[in-house]
C-alpha cells in the first residue's frame, strides 16, 4: 500500500480500492457502496491513515511537560516543581519562563521568573525575590522551579513555558496546580436570629484558614448531654446549620467540626430557647431593677438606724432633740406684700405704665419688703444660734454632772485615811479600857482575900449589925 498526498486526501493503493484517490471523509461518504466486509476494511485503513498523518505532522515540534497535574505540600516547605522540554533540534537560543495565575479571574498571568540562555541570566520578580530559583539544563531539557517557604497564597496554578525563535509549533507550555496544605484554624461558631419559641435561627461555623478548603459537620446534644437525631427540616450546608420553628426541645449543645486531609478543629455553642417575654434583655432589666431596689432599701435602713442612734445618744445626755431649721426663703413672686399693696387681679403690674413718682414708690416698697425678708432671715438665724447655744450649755451641764461622781470618789479616797486614824484611836481607847478592867479585877481579888485577926482592924463600937436579905 502506498500513501501520497497531504491534508485530508491520500492515494491508497492495494486492496479492492487500490488506485482510487479519495479523501478520508469521502471514504465514509461512499461506505454504502461496499459490503459489510469492505466497510470494516475501510474503517481500519482510515484509522491507520489518520494516526500516521498525526504522527508525521508532529515531527520537529516542541513538547513541554510536567509529570503531575497537582502537587501537594505543607505550608513552610521548600519544594521543587519539575518541568521537561524537548525541542525539535538543538536550539541556539531559548527563553524559559514560569508564571502563576492572577488573583482575579480574567486578569493576566503574573510572570515570576524568566531564564535567557543567550547570556544565561535569570530575571526574578520582586514579589518572589529570595524565594524562587530555577534549575535549568538546556541540553537535557530541564527547567525545574524551586520555591522555598511556601505560603497559603502560593495555592495557585503554575505554568512552565518554552520559547524558541522560529519554532512555536507543538506544545510550548504545561501547567500544574500547587496545593499548599494548611490545617484548618479553630472555627468560630455564631448564632444568627433570636432564640425564641417559633423563630428560625442559623448556627454558622467558619475557619479563617485551611487548605484544602475544610468541610464542616454539625452534631447536637440535648440538655442532658445525650446525642439526638435532627429534625427533618434542619439543613446543614457549608457550615451553616438552619433550625426552623425552634422550641424548648431545640435547646442544647451544638458542636461544629472543621476538617481537611491534615487535621480537624472544633467549636461549640449552647442554644437556650426561651419564650418571647423571657428574652435576655428583659431578664437583665428585671435583675437590674431588683438590685437597684435592694440598694435603695439598704440606704434607707442605714439612715433610719443612724437617726435612731443619734436620738438615743441625745436622750442619754439628758437633752431632748430639737430640730433646727431656718425659715424657708420666699420664692420668686411669693414675697409678702404690705397690707393694701397686693395686686387684686393677680397679674404683674410692672406691665402697667406708671408715672416716675409711682415707680419710685413701688421701688421703695420693694426695698422695704426685701429689707423685711432679710431681717426675718437674720432673726431666724439668730434664733438658731440661740438654740445652738442652749444645746451647748446643756451639753456642758451634762459633762459637769458626769464629772461629779469622780469628785465624790476622790473625796471618799481622801476620807479613807481619816477613817483609819479614828479606828486606830478607837483601838487605843479599847486597850486603855482593858487595862483599867484588869486593874479593877486585881483590886477585887485583894478585897476577897481573908484577914488575920491581928491584921483585922478593930470593929467600931457603934457599927450597926449587918442585915440579911432574908429578913
Protein backbone atom coordinates (compact mmCIF):
# COMPACT_ATOMS: atom_id res chain seq x y z
CA UNK A 1 0.00 0.00 0.00
CA UNK A 2 1.29 3.46 -0.81
CA UNK A 3 0.31 6.85 0.51
CA UNK A 4 0.70 10.02 -1.44
CA UNK A 5 -0.64 13.47 -0.89
CA UNK A 6 -1.26 15.70 2.12
CA UNK A 7 -4.17 17.13 4.01
CA UNK A 8 -7.40 15.21 4.21
CA UNK A 9 -6.79 13.30 0.98
CA UNK A 10 -4.44 10.39 0.24
CA UNK A 11 -3.85 7.90 -2.55
CA UNK A 12 -4.49 4.48 -1.13
CA UNK A 13 -3.02 1.59 -3.11
CA UNK A 14 -3.74 -2.10 -2.70
CA UNK A 15 -6.89 -3.96 -1.89
CA UNK A 16 -10.21 -3.55 -3.61
CA UNK A 17 -9.88 0.23 -3.77
CA UNK A 18 -6.33 0.42 -4.97
CA UNK A 19 -5.68 3.36 -7.23
CA UNK A 20 -8.68 5.37 -6.03
CA UNK A 21 -7.98 8.88 -4.93
CA UNK A 22 -10.38 9.72 -2.18
CA UNK A 23 -10.44 11.89 0.87
CA UNK A 24 -10.69 10.50 4.38
CA UNK A 25 -14.14 11.97 4.69
CA UNK A 26 -15.01 10.56 1.24
CA UNK A 27 -14.45 7.01 2.49
CA UNK A 28 -17.36 7.44 4.91
CA UNK A 29 -19.47 9.12 2.22
CA UNK A 30 -19.14 6.06 -0.05
CA UNK A 31 -19.47 3.37 2.62
CA UNK A 32 -22.97 2.43 1.39
CA UNK A 33 -21.46 1.24 -1.91
CA UNK A 34 -19.47 -1.54 -0.19
CA UNK A 35 -20.40 -4.70 1.62
CA UNK A 36 -20.05 -5.17 5.39
CA UNK A 37 -16.60 -6.73 4.99
CA UNK A 38 -15.44 -3.93 2.81
CA UNK A 39 -16.73 -1.37 5.33
CA UNK A 40 -14.66 -2.97 8.11
CA UNK A 41 -11.61 -2.87 5.92
CA UNK A 42 -12.17 0.79 5.10
CA UNK A 43 -12.53 1.63 8.81
CA UNK A 44 -9.15 0.02 9.60
CA UNK A 45 -7.48 1.82 6.70
CA UNK A 46 -8.93 5.20 7.67
CA UNK A 47 -7.82 4.81 11.31
CA UNK A 48 -4.30 3.94 10.21
CA UNK A 49 -4.11 6.89 7.81
CA UNK A 50 -5.30 9.36 10.46
CA UNK A 51 -2.79 8.06 13.07
CA UNK A 52 0.07 8.14 10.63
CA UNK A 53 -0.77 11.64 9.50
CA UNK A 54 -0.93 12.87 13.09
CA UNK A 55 2.47 11.35 13.88
CA UNK A 56 4.09 12.84 10.79
CA UNK A 57 2.64 16.27 11.43
CA UNK A 58 4.20 16.34 14.98
CA UNK A 59 7.73 15.62 13.85
CA UNK A 60 10.01 18.55 14.75
CA UNK A 61 7.53 20.28 17.18
CA UNK A 62 8.38 21.45 20.74
CA UNK A 63 6.96 19.42 23.63
CA UNK A 64 6.84 20.81 27.24
CA UNK A 65 5.52 18.58 30.02
CA UNK A 66 5.03 18.46 33.82
CA UNK A 67 4.72 14.94 35.28
CA UNK A 68 1.76 15.61 37.62
CA UNK A 69 -1.29 17.81 37.39
CA UNK A 70 -1.39 18.53 41.16
CA UNK A 71 1.40 18.86 43.72
CA UNK A 72 0.58 18.94 47.43
CA UNK A 73 2.99 20.27 50.06
CA UNK A 74 2.65 21.52 53.61
CA UNK A 75 2.92 25.21 54.38
CA UNK A 76 6.52 26.27 55.04
CA UNK A 77 8.15 23.51 52.94
CA UNK A 78 10.85 24.05 50.32
CA UNK A 79 9.61 22.45 47.09
CA UNK A 80 10.61 21.73 43.51
CA UNK A 81 8.14 21.55 40.60
CA UNK A 82 9.72 19.67 37.67
CA UNK A 83 9.37 20.81 34.04
CA UNK A 84 10.82 18.92 31.00
CA UNK A 85 11.00 20.12 27.40
CA UNK A 86 12.11 18.55 24.06
CA UNK A 87 12.81 20.81 21.09
CA UNK A 88 12.89 19.52 17.52
CA UNK A 89 16.62 20.08 17.38
CA UNK A 90 19.50 21.57 19.34
CA UNK A 91 18.33 25.18 19.88
CA UNK A 92 20.74 28.05 19.74
CA UNK A 93 18.63 30.37 21.85
CA UNK A 94 15.76 29.62 24.28
CA UNK A 95 13.66 31.55 26.81
CA UNK A 96 12.17 29.65 29.75
CA UNK A 97 9.59 31.34 31.99
CA UNK A 98 7.39 30.37 34.95
CA UNK A 99 4.17 32.22 35.77
CA UNK A 100 1.18 31.92 38.12
CA UNK A 101 -2.47 32.64 37.63
CA UNK A 102 -3.71 36.05 38.62
CA UNK A 103 -5.58 36.65 41.85
CA UNK A 104 -8.63 37.88 39.92
CA UNK A 105 -10.49 35.87 37.31
CA UNK A 106 -9.75 37.01 33.78
CA UNK A 107 -6.64 39.01 34.70
CA UNK A 108 -3.29 38.46 33.03
CA UNK A 109 -0.94 35.85 34.44
CA UNK A 110 1.89 37.03 36.71
CA UNK A 111 5.39 36.19 35.46
CA UNK A 112 7.58 35.26 38.44
CA UNK A 113 10.91 34.17 36.84
CA UNK A 114 12.45 34.15 33.32
CA UNK A 115 15.68 32.47 32.03
CA UNK A 116 17.62 33.67 28.96
CA UNK A 117 20.04 31.11 27.50
CA UNK A 118 21.99 33.65 25.41
CA UNK A 119 23.68 35.24 28.42
CA UNK A 120 22.48 32.67 30.99
CA UNK A 121 20.72 35.25 33.13
CA UNK A 122 17.67 34.83 35.33
CA UNK A 123 15.12 37.60 35.97
CA UNK A 124 13.11 37.20 39.21
CA UNK A 125 10.22 39.48 40.06
CA UNK A 126 10.45 41.49 43.27
CA UNK A 127 7.41 39.77 44.77
CA UNK A 128 9.27 36.42 44.78
CA UNK A 129 12.81 37.69 45.34
CA UNK A 130 14.68 35.41 47.72
CA UNK A 131 12.13 32.59 47.45
CA UNK A 132 12.36 31.49 43.78
CA UNK A 133 15.18 29.95 41.72
CA UNK A 134 15.49 27.88 38.50
CA UNK A 135 17.36 24.64 37.90
CA UNK A 136 17.96 24.83 34.11
CA UNK A 137 19.82 22.39 31.85
CA UNK A 138 19.01 23.14 28.20
CA UNK A 139 20.82 20.14 26.60
CA UNK A 140 18.99 17.77 28.92
CA UNK A 141 15.70 19.64 28.60
CA UNK A 142 15.24 20.53 32.28
CA UNK A 143 13.71 23.70 33.72
CA UNK A 144 12.68 22.93 37.33
CA UNK A 145 11.15 25.64 39.57
CA UNK A 146 12.37 25.80 43.19
CA UNK A 147 10.17 27.62 45.71
CA UNK A 148 11.11 27.98 49.39
CA UNK A 149 8.91 28.55 52.44
CA UNK A 150 5.67 28.19 50.56
CA UNK A 151 2.64 30.09 51.85
CA UNK A 152 -1.07 29.73 51.61
CA UNK A 153 -1.01 32.48 48.95
CA UNK A 154 1.03 30.13 46.72
CA UNK A 155 -2.00 27.88 46.35
CA UNK A 156 -2.34 28.63 42.62
CA UNK A 157 -1.94 27.30 39.08
CA UNK A 158 1.69 27.39 37.81
CA UNK A 159 2.75 27.36 34.12
CA UNK A 160 6.09 26.41 32.56
CA UNK A 161 6.64 27.90 29.06
CA UNK A 162 9.44 27.42 26.49
CA UNK A 163 10.07 29.95 23.74
CA UNK A 164 12.38 29.19 20.76
CA UNK A 165 12.69 31.69 17.92
CA UNK A 166 11.08 30.44 14.70
CA UNK A 167 9.74 27.34 16.48
CA UNK A 168 6.34 27.81 18.08
CA UNK A 169 4.59 24.65 16.97
CA UNK A 170 3.74 21.75 19.26
CA UNK A 171 3.15 22.15 23.00
CA UNK A 172 5.31 25.03 24.24
CA UNK A 173 3.69 25.21 27.74
CA UNK A 174 2.43 22.96 30.54
CA UNK A 175 0.53 23.72 33.74
CA UNK A 176 0.14 22.20 37.21
CA UNK A 177 -1.62 23.21 40.40
CA UNK A 178 0.19 23.68 43.70
CA UNK A 179 -1.91 22.86 46.76
CA UNK A 180 -0.46 24.21 49.99
CA UNK A 181 -1.72 22.05 52.81
CA UNK A 182 -2.80 24.03 55.85
CA UNK A 183 -4.66 22.62 58.80
CA UNK A 184 -7.97 24.38 59.45
CA UNK A 185 -7.85 27.05 62.11
CA UNK A 186 -10.15 26.83 65.10
CA UNK A 187 -13.58 27.66 63.69
CA UNK A 188 -15.81 30.40 65.06
CA UNK A 189 -19.37 29.45 65.98
CA UNK A 190 -22.09 32.12 65.92
CA UNK A 191 -25.85 32.31 66.07
CA UNK A 192 -27.98 34.39 63.72
CA UNK A 193 -31.50 35.21 64.86
CA UNK A 194 -33.38 35.26 68.18
CA UNK A 195 -33.62 32.10 70.25
CA UNK A 196 -37.35 32.38 70.93
CA UNK A 197 -40.23 29.96 70.53
CA UNK A 198 -41.36 29.62 66.92
CA UNK A 199 -38.38 31.52 65.42
CA UNK A 200 -35.85 30.37 62.80
CA UNK A 201 -32.14 30.57 63.63
CA UNK A 202 -28.88 29.79 61.82
CA UNK A 203 -25.77 28.44 63.51
CA UNK A 204 -22.66 29.36 61.50
CA UNK A 205 -19.23 27.74 61.62
CA UNK A 206 -16.19 29.11 59.75
CA UNK A 207 -12.41 28.56 59.84
CA UNK A 208 -10.42 31.59 58.74
CA UNK A 209 -7.81 29.41 57.01
CA UNK A 210 -7.41 25.87 55.81
CA UNK A 211 -6.18 24.21 52.63
CA UNK A 212 -7.71 22.26 51.05
CA UNK A 213 -10.90 24.06 51.93
CA UNK A 214 -12.24 22.36 55.07
CA UNK A 215 -15.62 20.70 55.28
CA UNK A 216 -17.98 21.35 58.19
CA UNK A 217 -20.23 18.98 60.10
CA UNK A 218 -22.62 19.70 62.97
CA UNK A 219 -23.56 17.46 65.86
CA UNK A 220 -26.00 18.25 68.67
CA UNK A 221 -26.84 17.06 72.17
CA UNK A 222 -29.84 17.80 74.34
CA UNK A 223 -29.77 19.48 77.75
CA UNK A 224 -28.89 16.12 79.31
CA UNK A 225 -25.81 15.77 77.03
CA UNK A 226 -27.43 12.92 75.12
CA UNK A 227 -26.99 12.70 71.31
CA UNK A 228 -30.17 13.30 69.35
CA UNK A 229 -31.46 12.97 65.81
CA UNK A 230 -32.00 16.11 63.76
CA UNK A 231 -35.44 17.27 62.85
CA UNK A 232 -36.40 16.61 59.21
CA UNK A 233 -36.49 20.30 58.29
CA UNK A 234 -32.99 21.01 59.64
CA UNK A 235 -30.38 21.71 56.95
CA UNK A 236 -26.58 21.68 57.11
CA UNK A 237 -24.76 23.27 54.18
CA UNK A 238 -21.37 24.95 54.02
CA UNK A 239 -21.03 25.20 57.78
CA UNK A 240 -24.50 26.77 58.25
CA UNK A 241 -26.95 24.77 60.33
CA UNK A 242 -30.50 26.08 59.81
CA UNK A 243 -33.08 25.39 62.53
CA UNK A 244 -36.77 26.07 61.85
CA UNK A 245 -39.66 26.70 64.24
CA UNK A 246 -37.50 26.15 67.30
CA UNK A 247 -38.97 25.20 70.65
CA UNK A 248 -37.84 24.29 74.14
CA UNK A 249 -36.76 20.86 72.88
CA UNK A 250 -34.33 22.53 70.45
CA UNK A 251 -32.24 23.82 73.36
CA UNK A 252 -28.96 22.02 73.78
CA UNK A 253 -25.27 21.81 72.98
CA UNK A 254 -24.13 22.11 69.32
CA UNK A 255 -20.62 21.13 68.15
CA UNK A 256 -19.12 22.04 64.74
CA UNK A 257 -16.12 20.15 63.31
CA UNK A 258 -13.93 21.75 60.62
CA UNK A 259 -11.86 19.09 58.81
CA UNK A 260 -9.50 18.65 55.87
CA UNK A 261 -6.94 15.99 54.95
CA UNK A 262 -4.41 17.27 57.50
CA UNK A 263 -6.41 17.51 60.73
CA UNK A 264 -9.63 18.85 62.28
CA UNK A 265 -10.72 21.54 64.75
CA UNK A 266 -13.98 22.12 66.62
CA UNK A 267 -16.05 24.86 68.20
CA UNK A 268 -19.30 24.72 70.15
CA UNK A 269 -22.27 26.87 71.04
CA UNK A 270 -25.06 26.50 73.59
CA UNK A 271 -28.57 27.26 72.41
CA UNK A 272 -31.17 28.21 75.01
CA UNK A 273 -34.66 28.76 73.61
CA UNK A 274 -36.94 30.96 75.76
CA UNK A 275 -40.43 32.42 75.47
CA UNK A 276 -40.61 35.84 73.81
CA UNK A 277 -41.27 37.60 77.13
CA UNK A 278 -38.26 35.99 78.79
CA UNK A 279 -35.51 37.12 76.49
CA UNK A 280 -32.13 38.13 77.76
CA UNK A 281 -32.81 41.88 77.57
CA UNK A 282 -35.94 41.82 79.71
CA UNK A 283 -34.38 39.40 82.18
CA UNK A 284 -31.38 41.69 82.58
CA UNK A 285 -33.73 44.65 83.10
CA UNK A 286 -35.64 42.82 85.83
CA UNK A 287 -32.45 41.82 87.59
CA UNK A 288 -31.12 45.39 87.38
CA UNK A 289 -34.36 46.79 88.84
CA UNK A 290 -34.32 44.35 91.75
CA UNK A 291 -30.70 45.17 92.53
CA UNK A 292 -31.43 48.92 92.42
CA UNK A 293 -34.42 48.46 94.77
CA UNK A 294 -32.30 46.49 97.24
CA UNK A 295 -29.66 49.23 97.23
CA UNK A 296 -32.30 51.90 97.96
CA UNK A 297 -33.74 49.83 100.82
CA UNK A 298 -30.30 49.34 102.34
CA UNK A 299 -29.62 53.08 102.21
CA UNK A 300 -32.99 53.90 103.83
CA UNK A 301 -32.47 51.34 106.61
CA UNK A 302 -28.97 52.65 107.26
CA UNK A 303 -30.21 56.26 107.52
CA UNK A 304 -33.00 55.24 109.93
CA UNK A 305 -30.56 53.36 112.12
CA UNK A 306 -28.18 56.32 112.22
CA UNK A 307 -31.03 58.70 113.15
CA UNK A 308 -32.27 56.40 115.89
CA UNK A 309 -28.78 56.04 117.30
CA UNK A 310 -28.37 59.80 117.36
CA UNK A 311 -31.66 60.21 119.27
CA UNK A 312 -30.60 57.62 121.86
CA UNK A 313 -27.32 59.45 122.41
CA UNK A 314 -29.11 62.76 122.94
CA UNK A 315 -31.59 61.25 125.41
CA UNK A 316 -28.72 59.59 127.26
CA UNK A 317 -27.14 63.02 127.73
CA UNK A 318 -30.41 64.37 129.13
CA UNK A 319 -31.12 66.60 126.19
CA UNK A 320 -34.31 66.45 124.17
CA UNK A 321 -33.77 66.55 120.47
CA UNK A 322 -34.74 69.78 118.85
CA UNK A 323 -34.93 70.42 115.19
CA UNK A 324 -33.24 73.49 113.96
CA UNK A 325 -34.07 74.91 110.61
CA UNK A 326 -34.01 78.29 109.03
CA UNK A 327 -37.16 79.75 107.70
CA UNK A 328 -37.65 78.92 104.10
CA UNK A 329 -36.89 81.96 101.98
CA UNK A 330 -39.70 83.33 99.97
CA UNK A 331 -39.92 82.04 96.43
CA UNK A 332 -39.78 84.25 93.41
CA UNK A 333 -43.01 86.11 93.14
CA UNK A 334 -44.27 84.85 96.56
CA UNK A 335 -42.85 87.65 98.72
CA UNK A 336 -45.03 89.17 101.34
CA UNK A 337 -46.65 92.46 100.49
CA UNK A 338 -47.76 95.09 102.96
CA UNK A 339 -51.46 95.35 103.56
CA UNK A 340 -53.17 97.37 100.94
CA UNK A 341 -50.47 96.85 98.36
CA UNK A 342 -51.34 93.46 96.99
CA UNK A 343 -52.40 93.13 93.37
CA UNK A 344 -56.09 92.37 93.43
CA UNK A 345 -56.21 90.98 89.88
CA UNK A 346 -53.20 88.63 90.24
CA UNK A 347 -51.12 89.94 87.38
CA UNK A 348 -47.78 91.63 87.26
CA UNK A 349 -48.37 95.35 87.50
CA UNK A 350 -44.94 96.03 86.01
CA UNK A 351 -46.61 95.89 82.61
CA UNK A 352 -48.82 98.87 83.52
CA UNK A 353 -47.38 102.22 82.79
CA UNK A 354 -46.81 104.34 85.84
CA UNK A 355 -45.53 107.80 86.44
CA UNK A 356 -41.97 108.26 87.76
CA UNK A 357 -43.34 109.02 91.21
CA UNK A 358 -45.34 105.80 91.28
CA UNK A 359 -42.37 103.82 90.08
CA UNK A 360 -40.21 105.34 92.83
CA UNK A 361 -42.86 104.47 95.42
CA UNK A 362 -43.06 101.00 94.04
CA UNK A 363 -39.29 100.58 94.23
CA UNK A 364 -39.26 101.83 97.83
CA UNK A 365 -41.95 99.36 98.78
CA UNK A 366 -39.95 96.54 97.19
CA UNK A 367 -36.84 97.69 99.01
CA UNK A 368 -38.73 97.70 102.33
CA UNK A 369 -40.09 94.22 101.66
CA UNK A 370 -36.61 92.95 100.79
CA UNK A 371 -35.31 94.54 103.97
CA UNK A 372 -38.07 92.88 105.99
CA UNK A 373 -37.27 89.50 104.44
CA UNK A 374 -33.58 89.92 105.17
CA UNK A 375 -34.41 90.92 108.71
CA UNK A 376 -36.63 87.88 109.13
CA UNK A 377 -33.84 85.69 107.87
CA UNK A 378 -31.39 87.27 110.28
CA UNK A 379 -33.89 86.80 113.14
CA UNK A 380 -34.30 83.18 112.19
CA UNK A 381 -30.52 82.75 112.07
CA UNK A 382 -30.24 84.44 115.48
CA UNK A 383 -32.89 82.08 116.91
CA UNK A 384 -30.96 79.14 115.52
CA UNK A 385 -27.75 80.43 117.13
CA UNK A 386 -29.57 80.84 120.46
CA UNK A 387 -30.90 77.31 120.28
CA UNK A 388 -27.45 76.08 119.40
CA UNK A 389 -26.03 77.93 122.40
CA UNK A 390 -28.70 76.39 124.67
CA UNK A 391 -27.76 72.99 123.34
CA UNK A 392 -24.08 73.66 124.10
CA UNK A 393 -24.98 74.81 127.64
CA UNK A 394 -26.99 71.66 128.25
CA UNK A 395 -24.13 69.64 126.93
CA UNK A 396 -21.77 71.39 129.32
CA UNK A 397 -24.17 70.73 132.24
CA UNK A 398 -24.25 67.08 131.32
CA UNK A 399 -20.44 66.99 131.32
CA UNK A 400 -20.43 68.66 134.74
CA UNK A 401 -22.90 66.14 136.14
CA UNK A 402 -20.81 63.34 134.71
CA UNK A 403 -17.72 64.76 136.46
CA UNK A 404 -19.42 64.96 139.91
CA UNK A 405 -19.21 61.21 140.67
CA UNK A 406 -15.49 61.46 140.03
CA UNK A 407 -15.22 64.25 142.62
CA UNK A 408 -17.18 62.16 145.13
CA UNK A 409 -14.85 59.24 144.58
CA UNK A 410 -11.87 61.47 145.14
CA UNK A 411 -13.37 62.83 148.41
CA UNK A 412 -14.10 59.28 149.51
CA UNK A 413 -10.49 58.40 148.84
CA UNK A 414 -9.45 61.41 150.95
CA UNK A 415 -11.73 60.30 153.86
CA UNK A 416 -10.20 56.84 153.98
CA UNK A 417 -7.03 57.95 155.91
CA UNK A 418 -9.16 59.85 158.48
CA UNK A 419 -11.31 56.79 158.99
CA UNK A 420 -8.19 54.72 159.57
CA UNK A 421 -6.99 57.27 162.18
CA UNK A 422 -10.31 57.12 164.01
CA UNK A 423 -10.20 53.36 164.02
CA UNK A 424 -6.69 53.45 165.45
CA UNK A 425 -7.74 55.85 168.18
CA UNK A 426 -10.71 53.60 168.99
CA UNK A 427 -8.35 50.70 169.35
CA UNK A 428 -6.22 52.72 171.79
CA UNK A 429 -9.31 53.56 173.87
CA UNK A 430 -10.28 49.89 173.95
CA UNK A 431 -6.79 48.99 175.12
CA UNK A 432 -6.91 51.53 177.94
CA UNK A 433 -10.33 50.24 178.99
CA UNK A 434 -8.98 46.71 179.10
CA UNK A 435 -6.11 47.89 181.31
CA UNK A 436 -8.46 49.59 183.78
CA UNK A 437 -10.63 46.48 183.85
CA UNK A 438 -7.62 44.35 184.62
CA UNK A 439 -6.63 46.66 187.46
CA UNK A 440 -10.16 46.54 188.83
CA UNK A 441 -10.03 42.80 188.81
CA UNK A 442 -6.82 42.90 190.82
CA UNK A 443 -8.45 45.17 193.42
CA UNK A 444 -11.40 42.83 193.74
CA UNK A 445 -9.10 39.91 194.20
CA UNK A 446 -7.29 41.63 197.04
CA UNK A 447 -10.56 42.54 198.68
CA UNK A 448 -11.76 38.95 198.65
CA UNK A 449 -8.64 37.62 200.44
CA UNK A 450 -9.21 36.66 204.26
CA UNK A 451 -7.62 38.81 207.01
CA UNK A 452 -5.81 37.55 210.01
CA UNK A 453 -7.16 38.56 213.35
CA UNK A 454 -4.12 40.51 214.03
CA UNK A 455 -4.29 42.29 210.86
CA UNK A 456 -8.01 42.93 211.03
CA UNK A 457 -8.75 46.39 212.30
CA UNK A 458 -10.87 46.76 215.37
CA UNK A 459 -14.62 46.97 214.92
CA UNK A 460 -16.04 50.25 215.86
CA UNK A 461 -18.31 50.15 218.88
CA UNK A 462 -21.08 51.93 217.17
CA UNK A 463 -21.11 49.73 213.98
CA UNK A 464 -24.56 48.61 213.15
CA UNK A 465 -25.36 44.99 212.65
CA UNK A 466 -25.48 43.61 209.06
CA UNK A 467 -28.87 42.97 207.74
CA UNK A 468 -29.50 39.94 205.74
CA UNK A 469 -31.58 39.97 202.64
CA UNK A 470 -33.74 37.22 204.05
CA UNK A 471 -35.09 39.42 206.72
